Amino acid sequence: MANPESLVASLNAAGALVALFADVLLGAFSDRSRSRYGRRTPFIVVGSLIAGISIYLTYAFTTPGLIILAWCGFQLGLNALLAPFVATMSDRIPRTDARRCRPCTASACPSAARSVRRWARSSSTRSRRASCWEPWLGASPESSSR
């Protein structure tokens, strides 16, 4: 088998490239689609199936090329699932309430990151997990007080 670091780098690069185009294209297709099951539901169902099968294939395949191909399929399926799922929120919120809801959806990621940061730095569990989080969280409160 190939060098594990290069395999992970290839997985990340190929997956990111597929996700870059799949998210935009599948989101646009779901915006314009019309079916008896709804605009977004067929994309969500098919994307779930593709993602599930592809993630299993990453386990089943043994050659690096097939693993990368299966990972790209997983990214494609995941974006086919998530792009319409995220767009569903704007479909369900009335236009009169959209201005009040935008800040909530825009602040979801930063507030989730703050919650994880607080959890990782909490003193009750710090000794168990601090070492793995330090590179991403910066200096710990204990090390800055010394």
N, C-alpha and C. Protein backbone atom coordinates (compact mmCIF):
# COMPACT_ATOMS: atom_id res chain seq x y z
N MET A 1 0.84 -1.19 0.00
CA MET A 1 0.00 0.00 0.00
C MET A 1 0.89 1.25 0.00
N ALA A 2 0.37 2.31 -0.48
CA ALA A 2 1.12 3.56 -0.61
C ALA A 2 1.39 4.18 0.76
N ASN A 3 2.19 5.19 0.75
CA ASN A 3 2.49 5.95 1.96
C ASN A 3 1.18 6.47 2.56
N PRO A 4 0.89 6.19 3.83
CA PRO A 4 -0.38 6.63 4.42
C PRO A 4 -0.59 8.14 4.39
N GLU A 5 0.48 8.90 4.59
CA GLU A 5 0.34 10.36 4.58
C GLU A 5 -0.06 10.86 3.19
N SER A 6 0.52 10.27 2.15
CA SER A 6 0.17 10.71 0.80
C SER A 6 -1.24 10.26 0.43
N LEU A 7 -1.67 9.11 0.97
CA LEU A 7 -3.04 8.66 0.71
C LEU A 7 -4.04 9.61 1.35
N VAL A 8 -3.77 10.01 2.58
CA VAL A 8 -4.67 10.95 3.26
C VAL A 8 -4.69 12.30 2.55
N ALA A 9 -3.53 12.74 2.09
CA ALA A 9 -3.47 14.00 1.35
C ALA A 9 -4.25 13.91 0.05
N SER A 10 -4.12 12.78 -0.65
CA SER A 10 -4.87 12.60 -1.89
C SER A 10 -6.36 12.51 -1.64
N LEU A 11 -6.74 11.82 -0.55
CA LEU A 11 -8.16 11.74 -0.18
C LEU A 11 -8.73 13.14 0.07
N ASN A 12 -8.00 13.92 0.86
CA ASN A 12 -8.47 15.27 1.18
C ASN A 12 -8.56 16.15 -0.05
N ALA A 13 -7.55 16.09 -0.91
CA ALA A 13 -7.55 16.93 -2.11
C ALA A 13 -8.67 16.54 -3.06
N ALA A 14 -8.79 15.26 -3.34
CA ALA A 14 -9.82 14.81 -4.28
C ALA A 14 -11.22 15.04 -3.71
N GLY A 15 -11.40 14.74 -2.41
CA GLY A 15 -12.70 14.95 -1.78
C GLY A 15 -13.10 16.41 -1.75
N ALA A 16 -12.15 17.29 -1.47
CA ALA A 16 -12.44 18.72 -1.45
C ALA A 16 -12.80 19.24 -2.84
N LEU A 17 -12.12 18.73 -3.84
CA LEU A 17 -12.41 19.16 -5.21
C LEU A 17 -13.81 18.73 -5.64
N VAL A 18 -14.17 17.48 -5.33
CA VAL A 18 -15.52 17.00 -5.65
C VAL A 18 -16.56 17.79 -4.87
N ALA A 19 -16.30 18.02 -3.59
CA ALA A 19 -17.26 18.75 -2.76
C ALA A 19 -17.44 20.19 -3.22
N LEU A 20 -16.36 20.79 -3.70
CA LEU A 20 -16.41 22.17 -4.18
C LEU A 20 -17.43 22.33 -5.30
N PHE A 21 -17.39 21.45 -6.27
CA PHE A 21 -18.29 21.54 -7.41
C PHE A 21 -19.65 20.92 -7.13
N ALA A 22 -19.67 19.82 -6.37
CA ALA A 22 -20.93 19.13 -6.12
C ALA A 22 -21.90 19.99 -5.31
N ASP A 23 -21.39 20.70 -4.33
CA ASP A 23 -22.27 21.52 -3.49
C ASP A 23 -22.99 22.58 -4.31
N VAL A 24 -22.25 23.27 -5.15
CA VAL A 24 -22.84 24.34 -5.96
C VAL A 24 -23.80 23.77 -7.00
N LEU A 25 -23.35 22.75 -7.72
CA LEU A 25 -24.18 22.20 -8.79
C LEU A 25 -25.43 21.51 -8.27
N LEU A 26 -25.28 20.69 -7.24
CA LEU A 26 -26.45 19.98 -6.72
C LEU A 26 -27.41 20.92 -6.02
N GLY A 27 -26.89 21.97 -5.39
CA GLY A 27 -27.78 22.97 -4.81
C GLY A 27 -28.59 23.68 -5.88
N ALA A 28 -27.94 24.02 -6.99
CA ALA A 28 -28.66 24.68 -8.10
C ALA A 28 -29.68 23.74 -8.73
N PHE A 29 -29.30 22.47 -8.90
CA PHE A 29 -30.24 21.50 -9.47
C PHE A 29 -31.45 21.30 -8.56
N SER A 30 -31.22 21.26 -7.26
CA SER A 30 -32.35 21.06 -6.35
C SER A 30 -33.25 22.30 -6.30
N ASP A 31 -32.68 23.47 -6.53
CA ASP A 31 -33.50 24.69 -6.59
C ASP A 31 -34.46 24.66 -7.78
N ARG A 32 -34.02 24.06 -8.86
CA ARG A 32 -34.81 24.06 -10.10
C ARG A 32 -35.63 22.79 -10.32
N SER A 33 -35.46 21.80 -9.49
CA SER A 33 -36.14 20.53 -9.73
C SER A 33 -37.60 20.58 -9.28
N ARG A 34 -38.39 19.79 -9.93
CA ARG A 34 -39.80 19.62 -9.59
C ARG A 34 -40.11 18.14 -9.72
N SER A 35 -40.55 17.54 -8.64
CA SER A 35 -40.97 16.14 -8.70
C SER A 35 -42.18 15.95 -7.80
N ARG A 36 -42.78 14.82 -7.91
CA ARG A 36 -43.97 14.58 -7.09
C ARG A 36 -43.60 14.36 -5.63
N TYR A 37 -42.32 14.13 -5.35
CA TYR A 37 -41.85 13.94 -3.97
C TYR A 37 -41.34 15.24 -3.36
N GLY A 38 -41.36 16.31 -4.11
CA GLY A 38 -40.88 17.59 -3.62
C GLY A 38 -39.61 18.01 -4.33
N ARG A 39 -39.21 19.23 -4.09
CA ARG A 39 -38.02 19.76 -4.75
C ARG A 39 -36.74 19.15 -4.21
N ARG A 40 -36.65 19.00 -2.93
CA ARG A 40 -35.39 18.62 -2.28
C ARG A 40 -35.32 17.15 -1.86
N THR A 41 -36.43 16.53 -1.61
CA THR A 41 -36.45 15.17 -1.07
C THR A 41 -35.71 14.15 -1.93
N PRO A 42 -35.88 14.12 -3.26
CA PRO A 42 -35.14 13.12 -4.04
C PRO A 42 -33.62 13.28 -3.91
N PHE A 43 -33.14 14.51 -3.83
CA PHE A 43 -31.69 14.73 -3.66
C PHE A 43 -31.22 14.23 -2.30
N ILE A 44 -32.01 14.47 -1.28
CA ILE A 44 -31.64 14.04 0.06
C ILE A 44 -31.62 12.52 0.15
N VAL A 45 -32.62 11.85 -0.41
CA VAL A 45 -32.69 10.39 -0.36
C VAL A 45 -31.57 9.75 -1.18
N VAL A 46 -31.41 10.19 -2.42
CA VAL A 46 -30.36 9.62 -3.28
C VAL A 46 -28.97 9.94 -2.72
N GLY A 47 -28.78 11.15 -2.22
CA GLY A 47 -27.50 11.51 -1.61
C GLY A 47 -27.17 10.65 -0.41
N SER A 48 -28.19 10.33 0.40
CA SER A 48 -27.98 9.46 1.56
C SER A 48 -27.56 8.07 1.12
N LEU A 49 -28.21 7.55 0.10
CA LEU A 49 -27.85 6.22 -0.41
C LEU A 49 -26.44 6.20 -0.98
N ILE A 50 -26.11 7.19 -1.79
CA ILE A 50 -24.76 7.25 -2.38
C ILE A 50 -23.70 7.38 -1.28
N ALA A 51 -23.95 8.24 -0.30
CA ALA A 51 -22.98 8.42 0.78
C ALA A 51 -22.81 7.14 1.59
N GLY A 52 -23.91 6.47 1.89
CA GLY A 52 -23.83 5.22 2.66
C GLY A 52 -23.08 4.12 1.93
N ILE A 53 -23.39 3.95 0.66
CA ILE A 53 -22.71 2.92 -0.13
C ILE A 53 -21.23 3.27 -0.29
N SER A 54 -20.95 4.52 -0.55
CA SER A 54 -19.56 4.94 -0.78
C SER A 54 -18.71 4.82 0.47
N ILE A 55 -19.25 5.14 1.63
CA ILE A 55 -18.45 5.03 2.85
C ILE A 55 -18.19 3.56 3.17
N TYR A 56 -19.13 2.68 2.84
CA TYR A 56 -18.87 1.26 3.00
C TYR A 56 -17.77 0.80 2.04
N LEU A 57 -17.80 1.32 0.81
CA LEU A 57 -16.78 0.93 -0.17
C LEU A 57 -15.38 1.40 0.22
N THR A 58 -15.28 2.51 0.95
CA THR A 58 -13.95 2.92 1.42
C THR A 58 -13.37 1.89 2.37
N TYR A 59 -14.23 1.20 3.07
CA TYR A 59 -13.80 0.11 3.96
C TYR A 59 -13.49 -1.15 3.17
N ALA A 60 -14.31 -1.44 2.17
CA ALA A 60 -14.20 -2.70 1.44
C ALA A 60 -13.02 -2.71 0.45
N PHE A 61 -12.71 -1.58 -0.15
CA PHE A 61 -11.62 -1.53 -1.13
C PHE A 61 -10.26 -1.58 -0.44
N THR A 62 -9.28 -2.13 -1.15
CA THR A 62 -7.94 -2.23 -0.59
C THR A 62 -6.89 -1.45 -1.38
N THR A 63 -7.20 -1.04 -2.57
CA THR A 63 -6.22 -0.29 -3.36
C THR A 63 -6.46 1.21 -3.18
N PRO A 64 -5.38 1.98 -3.13
CA PRO A 64 -5.53 3.42 -2.90
C PRO A 64 -6.40 4.13 -3.92
N GLY A 65 -6.29 3.77 -5.19
CA GLY A 65 -7.10 4.43 -6.22
C GLY A 65 -8.59 4.22 -6.01
N LEU A 66 -8.98 3.00 -5.65
CA LEU A 66 -10.41 2.72 -5.42
C LEU A 66 -10.90 3.37 -4.13
N ILE A 67 -10.03 3.43 -3.13
CA ILE A 67 -10.42 4.10 -1.89
C ILE A 67 -10.67 5.58 -2.15
N ILE A 68 -9.80 6.21 -2.92
CA ILE A 68 -9.98 7.63 -3.26
C ILE A 68 -11.25 7.83 -4.08
N LEU A 69 -11.51 6.92 -5.02
CA LEU A 69 -12.73 7.00 -5.83
C LEU A 69 -13.98 6.85 -4.95
N ALA A 70 -13.94 5.92 -4.02
CA ALA A 70 -15.08 5.74 -3.11
C ALA A 70 -15.25 6.96 -2.22
N TRP A 71 -14.14 7.56 -1.79
CA TRP A 71 -14.22 8.77 -0.96
C TRP A 71 -14.83 9.93 -1.74
N CYS A 72 -14.48 10.03 -3.00
CA CYS A 72 -15.09 11.07 -3.84
C CYS A 72 -16.59 10.82 -4.00
N GLY A 73 -16.97 9.56 -4.13
CA GLY A 73 -18.39 9.22 -4.16
C GLY A 73 -19.09 9.60 -2.86
N PHE A 74 -18.40 9.38 -1.74
CA PHE A 74 -18.95 9.77 -0.45
C PHE A 74 -19.16 11.28 -0.38
N GLN A 75 -18.17 12.05 -0.83
CA GLN A 75 -18.29 13.50 -0.83
C GLN A 75 -19.42 13.96 -1.74
N LEU A 76 -19.56 13.32 -2.88
CA LEU A 76 -20.65 13.64 -3.80
C LEU A 76 -22.00 13.36 -3.15
N GLY A 77 -22.14 12.19 -2.55
CA GLY A 77 -23.39 11.84 -1.88
C GLY A 77 -23.69 12.74 -0.70
N LEU A 78 -22.66 13.07 0.07
CA LEU A 78 -22.85 13.94 1.23
C LEU A 78 -23.30 15.33 0.80
N ASN A 79 -22.71 15.85 -0.27
CA ASN A 79 -23.13 17.17 -0.76
C ASN A 79 -24.50 17.11 -1.43
N ALA A 80 -24.84 15.99 -2.06
CA ALA A 80 -26.19 15.84 -2.61
C ALA A 80 -27.23 15.81 -1.50
N LEU A 81 -26.82 15.35 -0.34
CA LEU A 81 -27.70 15.31 0.82
C LEU A 81 -27.76 16.67 1.52
N LEU A 82 -26.61 17.29 1.73
CA LEU A 82 -26.56 18.49 2.56
C LEU A 82 -26.97 19.78 1.85
N ALA A 83 -26.63 19.94 0.58
CA ALA A 83 -26.98 21.18 -0.12
C ALA A 83 -28.49 21.42 -0.12
N PRO A 84 -29.30 20.44 -0.50
CA PRO A 84 -30.75 20.66 -0.44
C PRO A 84 -31.28 20.74 0.99
N PHE A 85 -30.64 20.02 1.91
CA PHE A 85 -31.09 20.04 3.30
C PHE A 85 -30.94 21.43 3.90
N VAL A 86 -29.81 22.08 3.63
CA VAL A 86 -29.58 23.43 4.14
C VAL A 86 -30.52 24.42 3.45
N ALA A 87 -30.76 24.22 2.16
CA ALA A 87 -31.65 25.12 1.43
C ALA A 87 -33.10 24.99 1.88
N THR A 88 -33.45 23.87 2.49
CA THR A 88 -34.82 23.67 2.97
C THR A 88 -35.18 24.71 4.03
N MET A 89 -34.19 25.13 4.81
CA MET A 89 -34.47 26.13 5.84
C MET A 89 -35.00 27.42 5.23
N SER A 90 -34.39 27.86 4.15
CA SER A 90 -34.87 29.11 3.54
C SER A 90 -36.22 28.91 2.86
N ASP A 91 -36.54 27.67 2.48
CA ASP A 91 -37.86 27.40 1.90
C ASP A 91 -38.95 27.47 2.95
N ARG A 92 -38.64 27.11 4.17
CA ARG A 92 -39.66 27.00 5.22
C ARG A 92 -39.87 28.28 6.02
N ILE A 93 -38.90 29.16 6.00
CA ILE A 93 -39.03 30.40 6.78
C ILE A 93 -39.74 31.46 5.93
N PRO A 94 -40.82 32.04 6.43
CA PRO A 94 -41.50 33.09 5.67
C PRO A 94 -40.57 34.28 5.41
N ARG A 95 -40.75 34.92 4.28
CA ARG A 95 -39.88 36.04 3.92
C ARG A 95 -39.92 37.17 4.95
N THR A 96 -41.05 37.33 5.62
CA THR A 96 -41.15 38.39 6.63
C THR A 96 -40.26 38.10 7.83
N ASP A 97 -39.97 36.82 8.11
CA ASP A 97 -39.13 36.45 9.25
C ASP A 97 -37.68 36.18 8.87
N ALA A 98 -37.36 36.24 7.59
CA ALA A 98 -36.02 35.86 7.13
C ALA A 98 -34.93 36.73 7.74
N ARG A 99 -35.19 38.02 7.89
CA ARG A 99 -34.16 38.90 8.45
C ARG A 99 -33.83 38.56 9.89
N ARG A 100 -34.83 38.12 10.63
CA ARG A 100 -34.57 37.77 12.02
C ARG A 100 -33.86 36.43 12.15
N CYS A 101 -34.03 35.54 11.19
CA CYS A 101 -33.43 34.21 11.27
C CYS A 101 -32.01 34.15 10.72
N ARG A 102 -31.64 35.04 9.83
CA ARG A 102 -30.29 35.01 9.23
C ARG A 102 -29.18 35.07 10.26
N PRO A 103 -29.25 35.96 11.25
CA PRO A 103 -28.15 35.98 12.23
C PRO A 103 -28.02 34.66 13.00
N CYS A 104 -29.14 33.99 13.24
CA CYS A 104 -29.07 32.71 13.96
C CYS A 104 -28.34 31.66 13.14
N THR A 105 -28.65 31.57 11.88
CA THR A 105 -27.99 30.57 11.05
C THR A 105 -26.54 30.96 10.78
N ALA A 106 -26.26 32.23 10.67
CA ALA A 106 -24.88 32.66 10.41
C ALA A 106 -24.00 32.47 11.64
N SER A 107 -24.57 32.52 12.83
CA SER A 107 -23.77 32.39 14.03
C SER A 107 -23.71 30.96 14.54
N ALA A 108 -24.32 30.01 13.84
CA ALA A 108 -24.33 28.63 14.32
C ALA A 108 -22.93 28.04 14.39
N CYS A 109 -22.12 28.21 13.37
CA CYS A 109 -20.78 27.63 13.38
C CYS A 109 -19.86 28.28 14.41
N PRO A 110 -19.80 29.61 14.48
CA PRO A 110 -18.93 30.20 15.51
C PRO A 110 -19.36 29.84 16.92
N SER A 111 -20.66 29.78 17.20
CA SER A 111 -21.06 29.43 18.56
C SER A 111 -20.82 27.97 18.86
N ALA A 112 -20.90 27.10 17.86
CA ALA A 112 -20.54 25.70 18.07
C ALA A 112 -19.05 25.59 18.37
N ALA A 113 -18.24 26.36 17.66
CA ALA A 113 -16.80 26.33 17.91
C ALA A 113 -16.49 26.84 19.32
N ARG A 114 -17.19 27.89 19.75
CA ARG A 114 -16.96 28.38 21.11
C ARG A 114 -17.34 27.34 22.15
N SER A 115 -18.44 26.62 21.91
CA SER A 115 -18.87 25.58 22.85
C SER A 115 -17.84 24.47 22.95
N VAL A 116 -17.32 24.04 21.81
CA VAL A 116 -16.30 23.00 21.82
C VAL A 116 -15.05 23.49 22.53
N ARG A 117 -14.67 24.74 22.28
CA ARG A 117 -13.49 25.30 22.93
C ARG A 117 -13.67 25.34 24.44
N ARG A 118 -14.85 25.77 24.91
CA ARG A 118 -15.12 25.81 26.35
C ARG A 118 -15.09 24.40 26.94
N TRP A 119 -15.68 23.45 26.23
CA TRP A 119 -15.70 22.07 26.70
C TRP A 119 -14.29 21.52 26.80
N ALA A 120 -13.47 21.77 25.78
CA ALA A 120 -12.12 21.23 25.77
C ALA A 120 -11.24 21.86 26.83
N ARG A 121 -11.53 23.10 27.20
CA ARG A 121 -10.72 23.79 28.20
C ARG A 121 -11.27 23.69 29.61
N SER A 122 -12.39 23.02 29.79
CA SER A 122 -12.99 22.94 31.12
C SER A 122 -12.03 22.24 32.08
N SER A 123 -11.98 22.71 33.30
CA SER A 123 -10.99 22.21 34.26
C SER A 123 -11.30 20.80 34.73
N SER A 124 -12.55 20.40 34.76
CA SER A 124 -12.90 19.08 35.29
C SER A 124 -12.39 17.94 34.42
N THR A 125 -12.28 18.17 33.12
CA THR A 125 -11.84 17.09 32.23
C THR A 125 -10.57 17.46 31.47
N ARG A 126 -9.92 18.53 31.85
CA ARG A 126 -8.76 19.02 31.13
C ARG A 126 -7.63 18.01 31.04
N SER A 127 -7.33 17.35 32.10
CA SER A 127 -6.17 16.46 32.12
C SER A 127 -6.34 15.29 31.14
N ARG A 128 -7.57 14.88 30.88
CA ARG A 128 -7.78 13.74 30.00
C ARG A 128 -7.64 14.05 28.53
N ARG A 129 -7.99 15.25 28.11
CA ARG A 129 -8.04 15.48 26.68
C ARG A 129 -7.29 16.73 26.20
N ALA A 130 -6.64 17.41 27.09
CA ALA A 130 -6.04 18.68 26.71
C ALA A 130 -4.94 18.54 25.68
N SER A 131 -4.14 17.51 25.79
CA SER A 131 -2.98 17.41 24.91
C SER A 131 -3.37 17.29 23.44
N CYS A 132 -4.45 16.64 23.12
CA CYS A 132 -4.84 16.51 21.72
C CYS A 132 -5.47 17.77 21.17
N TRP A 133 -5.99 18.65 22.04
CA TRP A 133 -6.66 19.86 21.57
C TRP A 133 -5.73 21.07 21.52
N GLU A 134 -4.63 21.04 22.22
CA GLU A 134 -3.77 22.21 22.35
C GLU A 134 -3.37 22.85 21.02
N PRO A 135 -2.99 22.07 19.99
CA PRO A 135 -2.59 22.75 18.75
C PRO A 135 -3.69 23.60 18.12
N TRP A 136 -4.95 23.22 18.32
CA TRP A 136 -6.06 23.94 17.71
C TRP A 136 -6.63 25.02 18.60
N LEU A 137 -6.44 24.89 19.89
CA LEU A 137 -7.05 25.83 20.82
C LEU A 137 -6.11 26.94 21.26
N GLY A 138 -4.85 26.82 20.96
CA GLY A 138 -3.89 27.83 21.40
C GLY A 138 -3.42 27.52 22.80
N ALA A 139 -2.87 28.52 23.44
CA ALA A 139 -2.31 28.33 24.77
C ALA A 139 -3.42 28.04 25.77
N SER A 140 -3.16 27.13 26.67
CA SER A 140 -4.15 26.77 27.68
C SER A 140 -4.16 27.82 28.79
N PRO A 141 -5.26 27.93 29.53
CA PRO A 141 -5.31 28.91 30.62
C PRO A 141 -4.24 28.64 31.68
N GLU A 142 -3.93 27.36 31.96
CA GLU A 142 -2.93 27.04 32.96
C GLU A 142 -1.53 27.46 32.51
N SER A 143 -1.21 27.25 31.21
CA SER A 143 0.13 27.58 30.75
C SER A 143 0.31 29.10 30.62
N SER A 144 -0.74 29.84 30.39
CA SER A 144 -0.61 31.29 30.27
C SER A 144 -0.50 31.97 31.63
N SER A 145 -0.94 31.30 32.70
CA SER A 145 -0.85 31.90 34.03
C SER A 145 0.50 31.67 34.68
N ARG A 146 1.35 30.82 34.09
CA ARG A 146 2.66 30.54 34.65
C ARG A 146 3.67 31.58 34.29
